[in-house]
N, C-alpha and C. Protein backbone atom coordinates (compact mmCIF):
# COMPACT_ATOMS: atom_id res chain seq x y z
N VAL A 1 5.65 -89.72 -10.86
CA VAL A 1 5.48 -91.17 -11.19
C VAL A 1 5.13 -91.56 -12.36
N LEU A 2 5.64 -92.82 -12.78
CA LEU A 2 5.41 -93.13 -14.18
C LEU A 2 4.50 -94.34 -14.24
N PHE A 3 3.72 -94.44 -15.14
CA PHE A 3 2.74 -95.43 -15.34
C PHE A 3 2.72 -96.34 -16.75
N ARG A 4 2.56 -97.58 -16.70
CA ARG A 4 2.34 -98.05 -18.01
C ARG A 4 0.94 -98.75 -18.01
N THR A 5 0.14 -98.60 -19.09
CA THR A 5 -1.36 -99.08 -18.81
C THR A 5 -1.45 -100.60 -18.77
N ILE A 6 -0.47 -101.39 -19.15
CA ILE A 6 -0.48 -102.73 -19.02
C ILE A 6 0.06 -103.33 -17.79
N SER A 7 0.55 -102.45 -16.79
CA SER A 7 1.40 -102.94 -15.68
C SER A 7 0.72 -102.47 -14.30
N ALA A 8 1.02 -103.43 -13.58
CA ALA A 8 0.57 -103.18 -11.97
C ALA A 8 1.74 -102.78 -11.20
N MET A 9 2.60 -102.08 -11.80
CA MET A 9 3.75 -101.36 -11.26
C MET A 9 3.93 -99.87 -11.61
N GLY A 10 4.07 -99.14 -10.49
CA GLY A 10 4.22 -97.69 -10.54
C GLY A 10 5.69 -97.41 -10.38
N ARG A 11 6.32 -96.62 -11.01
CA ARG A 11 7.86 -96.17 -11.00
C ARG A 11 7.94 -94.69 -10.31
N LEU A 12 8.27 -94.63 -9.07
CA LEU A 12 8.72 -93.20 -8.70
C LEU A 12 9.84 -92.73 -9.25
N TYR A 13 9.67 -91.91 -10.38
CA TYR A 13 10.89 -91.40 -10.93
C TYR A 13 11.76 -90.18 -10.24
N SER A 14 11.07 -89.35 -9.61
CA SER A 14 11.76 -88.37 -9.03
C SER A 14 10.79 -87.56 -7.90
N ILE A 15 11.65 -87.30 -7.07
CA ILE A 15 10.93 -86.19 -5.84
C ILE A 15 11.95 -85.35 -5.59
N ALA A 16 11.88 -84.20 -4.83
CA ALA A 16 12.79 -83.23 -4.60
C ALA A 16 12.33 -82.57 -3.42
N VAL A 17 12.97 -82.09 -2.49
CA VAL A 17 12.63 -81.16 -1.56
C VAL A 17 13.67 -80.11 -1.23
N ALA A 18 13.23 -78.77 -1.35
CA ALA A 18 14.22 -77.80 -1.22
C ALA A 18 14.97 -77.87 0.07
N PRO A 19 16.31 -77.80 0.07
CA PRO A 19 17.31 -77.92 1.30
C PRO A 19 16.67 -77.40 2.39
N ARG A 20 16.16 -75.98 2.27
CA ARG A 20 15.65 -75.29 3.55
C ARG A 20 14.39 -75.85 3.94
N SER A 21 13.59 -76.80 3.23
CA SER A 21 12.41 -77.18 3.72
C SER A 21 12.41 -78.76 4.24
N ARG A 22 13.59 -79.24 4.18
CA ARG A 22 13.79 -80.63 4.42
C ARG A 22 13.72 -80.73 6.12
N GLY A 23 13.30 -82.05 6.56
CA GLY A 23 12.85 -82.35 7.96
C GLY A 23 11.52 -81.80 8.34
N CYS A 24 10.80 -81.35 7.33
CA CYS A 24 9.53 -80.94 7.70
C CYS A 24 8.05 -81.87 7.44
N GLY A 25 8.60 -83.10 6.61
CA GLY A 25 7.80 -84.07 6.35
C GLY A 25 7.16 -83.84 4.74
N ILE A 26 7.85 -83.16 4.23
CA ILE A 26 7.40 -82.89 2.64
C ILE A 26 7.78 -84.07 1.89
N GLY A 27 8.87 -84.52 2.15
CA GLY A 27 9.34 -85.96 1.47
C GLY A 27 8.49 -86.97 1.76
N THR A 28 7.89 -87.33 3.13
CA THR A 28 7.09 -88.30 3.43
C THR A 28 5.98 -88.10 2.70
N ALA A 29 5.15 -86.85 2.76
CA ALA A 29 4.05 -86.52 2.03
C ALA A 29 4.20 -86.66 0.49
N LEU A 30 5.32 -86.36 -0.19
CA LEU A 30 5.13 -86.60 -1.42
C LEU A 30 5.27 -88.28 -1.84
N ILE A 31 6.12 -88.81 -1.04
CA ILE A 31 6.11 -90.30 -1.40
C ILE A 31 4.60 -90.94 -1.17
N ALA A 32 3.84 -90.59 -0.09
CA ALA A 32 2.57 -90.97 0.26
C ALA A 32 1.53 -90.58 -1.07
N ALA A 33 1.79 -89.50 -1.55
CA ALA A 33 1.15 -88.90 -2.40
C ALA A 33 1.23 -89.95 -3.80
N ALA A 34 2.40 -90.19 -4.10
CA ALA A 34 2.58 -90.85 -5.31
C ALA A 34 2.10 -92.20 -5.11
N GLU A 35 2.25 -92.75 -3.97
CA GLU A 35 1.71 -94.07 -3.66
C GLU A 35 0.09 -94.21 -3.74
N ALA A 36 -0.53 -92.97 -3.18
CA ALA A 36 -1.88 -93.07 -3.34
C ALA A 36 -2.39 -92.99 -4.80
N THR A 37 -1.78 -92.04 -5.39
CA THR A 37 -1.96 -92.03 -7.07
C THR A 37 -1.90 -93.45 -7.62
N ALA A 38 -0.79 -94.11 -7.48
CA ALA A 38 -0.52 -95.45 -8.10
C ALA A 38 -1.61 -96.34 -7.62
N LEU A 39 -2.05 -96.41 -6.33
CA LEU A 39 -3.13 -97.39 -6.02
C LEU A 39 -4.40 -96.87 -6.69
N ALA A 40 -4.55 -95.89 -7.03
CA ALA A 40 -5.79 -95.27 -7.61
C ALA A 40 -5.75 -95.56 -9.08
N ARG A 41 -4.72 -95.74 -9.58
CA ARG A 41 -4.44 -96.18 -11.08
C ARG A 41 -4.23 -97.64 -11.24
N GLY A 42 -4.54 -98.45 -10.08
CA GLY A 42 -4.55 -100.03 -10.12
C GLY A 42 -3.44 -100.77 -9.92
N CYS A 43 -2.10 -99.71 -9.33
CA CYS A 43 -0.97 -100.56 -9.23
C CYS A 43 -0.74 -101.30 -7.80
N ASP A 44 -0.01 -102.32 -7.96
CA ASP A 44 0.08 -103.01 -6.86
C ASP A 44 1.46 -103.02 -6.30
N TRP A 45 2.38 -102.55 -6.87
CA TRP A 45 3.70 -102.20 -6.42
C TRP A 45 4.29 -100.82 -6.86
N MET A 46 5.11 -100.26 -6.15
CA MET A 46 5.96 -99.11 -6.55
C MET A 46 7.58 -99.32 -6.58
N ARG A 47 8.37 -98.99 -7.62
CA ARG A 47 9.54 -99.33 -7.49
C ARG A 47 10.45 -97.93 -7.89
N LEU A 48 11.61 -97.98 -7.53
CA LEU A 48 12.55 -96.65 -7.70
C LEU A 48 13.92 -97.09 -7.63
N GLU A 49 14.59 -96.26 -8.17
CA GLU A 49 16.05 -96.44 -8.33
C GLU A 49 16.67 -95.02 -7.79
N VAL A 50 18.00 -95.24 -6.65
CA VAL A 50 18.32 -94.16 -6.13
C VAL A 50 19.94 -94.42 -5.85
N ARG A 51 20.49 -93.52 -6.02
CA ARG A 51 22.15 -93.24 -5.92
C ARG A 51 22.50 -93.90 -4.55
N PRO A 52 23.51 -94.74 -4.30
CA PRO A 52 23.90 -95.22 -3.20
C PRO A 52 24.31 -94.20 -2.20
N GLU A 53 24.89 -93.09 -2.68
CA GLU A 53 25.42 -92.10 -1.63
C GLU A 53 24.24 -91.19 -1.05
N ASN A 54 23.21 -91.35 -1.69
CA ASN A 54 21.90 -90.70 -1.26
C ASN A 54 21.29 -91.17 -0.11
N THR A 55 22.23 -91.01 1.08
CA THR A 55 21.68 -91.74 2.29
C THR A 55 20.29 -91.08 2.87
N GLY A 56 20.07 -89.84 2.72
CA GLY A 56 18.80 -89.27 3.15
C GLY A 56 17.95 -90.06 2.60
N ALA A 57 17.80 -89.97 1.40
CA ALA A 57 16.61 -90.77 0.43
C ALA A 57 16.40 -92.09 0.65
N ILE A 58 17.67 -93.02 0.92
CA ILE A 58 17.60 -94.24 1.24
C ILE A 58 16.83 -94.34 2.51
N ALA A 59 17.20 -93.74 3.48
CA ALA A 59 16.44 -93.67 4.72
C ALA A 59 15.09 -93.39 4.70
N ARG A 60 14.76 -92.39 4.01
CA ARG A 60 13.38 -92.02 3.94
C ARG A 60 12.53 -93.27 3.18
N TYR A 61 13.12 -93.88 2.20
CA TYR A 61 12.52 -94.99 1.43
C TYR A 61 12.31 -96.17 2.41
N LEU A 62 13.40 -96.45 3.17
CA LEU A 62 13.21 -97.53 4.00
C LEU A 62 12.21 -97.33 5.25
N LYS A 63 12.18 -96.07 5.74
CA LYS A 63 11.21 -95.80 6.73
C LYS A 63 9.92 -95.71 6.22
N ALA A 64 9.49 -95.63 4.71
CA ALA A 64 8.39 -95.59 4.15
C ALA A 64 7.94 -97.08 3.77
N GLY A 65 8.95 -98.16 4.04
CA GLY A 65 8.53 -99.59 3.68
C GLY A 65 9.03 -99.98 2.51
N TYR A 66 10.02 -99.34 1.74
CA TYR A 66 10.64 -99.87 0.80
C TYR A 66 11.81 -100.91 1.10
N ARG A 67 12.18 -101.83 0.32
CA ARG A 67 13.19 -102.85 0.36
C ARG A 67 14.12 -102.88 -0.73
N GLN A 68 15.40 -102.82 -0.51
CA GLN A 68 16.29 -103.03 -1.65
C GLN A 68 16.25 -104.23 -2.23
N PHE A 69 15.88 -104.78 -3.38
CA PHE A 69 16.21 -105.82 -4.09
C PHE A 69 17.21 -105.93 -5.32
N GLY A 70 17.95 -105.11 -5.24
CA GLY A 70 19.03 -105.17 -6.20
C GLY A 70 19.91 -103.95 -6.45
N ARG A 71 20.80 -104.06 -7.42
CA ARG A 71 21.81 -102.97 -7.68
C ARG A 71 22.10 -102.77 -9.21
N ARG A 72 21.94 -101.74 -9.78
CA ARG A 72 22.29 -101.70 -11.35
C ARG A 72 23.55 -101.00 -11.48
N ALA A 73 24.59 -101.71 -11.99
CA ALA A 73 25.88 -101.02 -12.31
C ALA A 73 25.67 -100.10 -13.53
N ASP A 74 26.54 -98.94 -13.48
CA ASP A 74 26.44 -98.07 -14.37
C ASP A 74 25.21 -97.55 -15.10
N TYR A 75 24.30 -97.10 -14.10
CA TYR A 75 22.87 -96.89 -14.54
C TYR A 75 22.83 -95.34 -14.85
N TYR A 76 23.33 -94.30 -14.17
CA TYR A 76 23.49 -92.85 -14.19
C TYR A 76 24.25 -92.62 -15.52
N GLU A 77 24.25 -91.22 -15.83
CA GLU A 77 24.81 -90.86 -17.07
C GLU A 77 26.24 -90.74 -16.47
N ASP A 78 26.49 -90.39 -15.27
CA ASP A 78 27.94 -90.35 -14.62
C ASP A 78 28.63 -91.67 -14.63
N HIS A 79 27.82 -92.72 -14.95
CA HIS A 79 28.34 -94.02 -14.79
C HIS A 79 28.13 -94.68 -13.20
N SER A 80 27.50 -93.80 -12.40
CA SER A 80 27.31 -94.45 -11.02
C SER A 80 26.11 -95.64 -11.12
N ASP A 81 26.31 -96.40 -10.06
CA ASP A 81 25.40 -97.55 -9.82
C ASP A 81 23.88 -96.78 -9.34
N ALA A 82 23.15 -97.55 -9.54
CA ALA A 82 21.72 -97.32 -8.76
C ALA A 82 21.33 -98.57 -7.81
N LEU A 83 20.84 -98.23 -6.60
CA LEU A 83 20.12 -99.10 -5.90
C LEU A 83 18.58 -99.27 -6.33
N LEU A 84 18.16 -100.44 -6.40
CA LEU A 84 16.85 -100.75 -6.62
C LEU A 84 16.09 -101.21 -5.48
N PHE A 85 14.98 -100.33 -5.36
CA PHE A 85 13.93 -100.17 -4.18
C PHE A 85 12.42 -100.75 -4.95
N GLU A 86 12.01 -101.42 -3.86
CA GLU A 86 10.37 -101.60 -4.44
C GLU A 86 9.42 -101.78 -3.01
N LYS A 87 8.34 -101.51 -3.17
CA LYS A 87 7.33 -101.94 -1.95
C LYS A 87 5.93 -102.25 -2.64
N PRO A 88 5.42 -103.24 -1.96
CA PRO A 88 3.94 -103.40 -2.22
C PRO A 88 3.18 -102.31 -1.63
N LEU A 89 2.11 -102.01 -2.54
CA LEU A 89 0.98 -101.12 -2.23
C LEU A 89 -0.13 -101.82 -1.84
N ARG A 90 -0.09 -102.99 -2.05
CA ARG A 90 -1.48 -103.96 -1.53
C ARG A 90 -1.02 -105.15 -0.84
N LEU A 91 -1.37 -105.19 0.33
CA LEU A 91 -1.06 -106.67 1.07
C LEU A 91 -1.61 -107.69 0.22
N ASP A 92 -2.49 -107.77 -0.43
CA ASP A 92 -3.08 -108.95 -0.91
C ASP A 92 -2.65 -109.07 -2.57
N SER A 93 -1.61 -108.29 -2.85
CA SER A 93 -0.86 -108.35 -4.33
C SER A 93 -0.72 -109.59 -4.73
N PRO A 94 -1.19 -110.01 -6.02
CA PRO A 94 -0.99 -111.14 -6.70
C PRO A 94 0.59 -111.25 -7.11
N LEU A 95 1.13 -110.03 -7.29
CA LEU A 95 2.38 -109.88 -7.99
C LEU A 95 3.44 -109.97 -6.80
N ARG A 96 4.66 -110.91 -7.29
CA ARG A 96 5.66 -111.29 -6.46
C ARG A 96 6.64 -110.40 -6.87
N SER A 97 7.68 -109.90 -6.33
CA SER A 97 8.90 -109.31 -6.89
C SER A 97 9.67 -110.33 -7.46
N SER A 98 9.90 -111.46 -6.79
CA SER A 98 10.89 -112.31 -7.41
C SER A 98 10.56 -112.99 -8.72
N HIS A 99 9.43 -112.72 -9.24
CA HIS A 99 9.23 -113.06 -10.42
C HIS A 99 9.75 -111.96 -11.70
N LEU A 100 10.09 -110.80 -10.93
CA LEU A 100 10.77 -109.74 -11.70
C LEU A 100 12.11 -109.68 -11.53
N ALA A 101 12.60 -110.16 -10.76
CA ALA A 101 14.10 -109.76 -10.49
C ALA A 101 14.96 -110.46 -11.56
N VAL A 102 14.73 -111.21 -12.35
CA VAL A 102 15.34 -111.47 -13.52
C VAL A 102 15.74 -110.60 -14.42
N SER A 103 14.59 -109.71 -14.55
CA SER A 103 14.70 -108.58 -15.76
C SER A 103 15.86 -107.48 -15.26
N PHE A 104 15.97 -107.51 -13.96
CA PHE A 104 17.08 -106.54 -13.54
C PHE A 104 18.30 -107.22 -13.28
N SER A 105 18.56 -108.52 -13.62
CA SER A 105 19.71 -109.06 -13.24
C SER A 105 20.80 -108.95 -14.30
N SER A 106 20.43 -108.49 -15.50
CA SER A 106 21.32 -108.54 -16.71
C SER A 106 21.36 -107.21 -17.30
N ARG A 107 22.47 -106.60 -17.78
CA ARG A 107 22.65 -105.35 -18.59
C ARG A 107 21.93 -105.67 -19.87
N HIS A 108 21.76 -106.86 -20.27
CA HIS A 108 21.27 -106.87 -21.65
C HIS A 108 19.70 -106.94 -21.75
N VAL A 109 19.07 -106.85 -20.78
CA VAL A 109 17.88 -106.79 -20.47
C VAL A 109 17.17 -105.25 -20.33
N ASP A 110 16.25 -104.78 -21.16
CA ASP A 110 15.87 -103.61 -20.81
C ASP A 110 15.16 -103.51 -19.51
N PRO A 111 15.36 -102.58 -18.45
CA PRO A 111 14.61 -102.44 -17.38
C PRO A 111 13.18 -102.40 -17.76
N ARG A 112 12.68 -101.82 -18.63
CA ARG A 112 11.27 -101.59 -18.81
C ARG A 112 10.65 -102.89 -18.90
N ALA A 113 11.29 -103.93 -19.31
CA ALA A 113 11.14 -105.39 -19.41
C ALA A 113 10.15 -105.88 -18.07
N ALA A 114 10.73 -105.21 -16.94
CA ALA A 114 10.10 -105.67 -15.65
C ALA A 114 8.68 -105.16 -15.51
N LEU A 115 8.39 -104.23 -16.13
CA LEU A 115 7.09 -103.63 -16.16
C LEU A 115 6.08 -104.51 -17.01
N VAL A 116 5.61 -105.52 -16.49
CA VAL A 116 4.68 -106.30 -17.22
C VAL A 116 3.40 -106.59 -16.63
N SER A 117 2.71 -107.13 -17.28
CA SER A 117 1.13 -107.15 -16.76
C SER A 117 1.15 -108.33 -15.81
N ARG A 118 0.34 -108.08 -14.78
CA ARG A 118 0.25 -109.31 -13.75
C ARG A 118 -0.40 -110.54 -14.51
N LYS A 119 -1.10 -110.34 -15.68
CA LYS A 119 -1.67 -111.38 -16.23
C LYS A 119 -0.54 -112.51 -16.77
N GLY A 120 0.69 -111.89 -17.18
CA GLY A 120 1.73 -112.68 -17.83
C GLY A 120 2.32 -113.34 -16.62
N LEU A 121 2.23 -113.15 -15.37
CA LEU A 121 2.96 -113.76 -14.42
C LEU A 121 2.08 -115.13 -13.73
N PRO A 122 3.07 -115.86 -13.20
CA PRO A 122 2.49 -117.23 -12.55
C PRO A 122 1.81 -116.68 -11.29
N PRO A 123 0.82 -117.18 -10.91
CA PRO A 123 0.16 -117.04 -9.36
C PRO A 123 1.15 -117.02 -8.26
């Protein structure tokens, strides 16, 4: 999980489960641990990117309450796209994903620009 000190957003950068251990709840436990860590650090939201063909991970994220909010073309080194997912970690979060969507809509905007302090966003 990646964090920025001025951000209410955590980013699930990478998780992996050995093939022989899949289906045992390890992925679910890793996601829950990442979310708990983000909450403990004051994050209101979690975001992640996933390859469109990674249907197992997509199903796991959807089951965990994530929703797809965008797609980034030519994201990975092999030029494949990434699906963008997010999840509110607090039900009373003052941060709204619609305020951040613009940062992901242009290839000319650094995706890290979406990781902003909630102080800079309208209520």
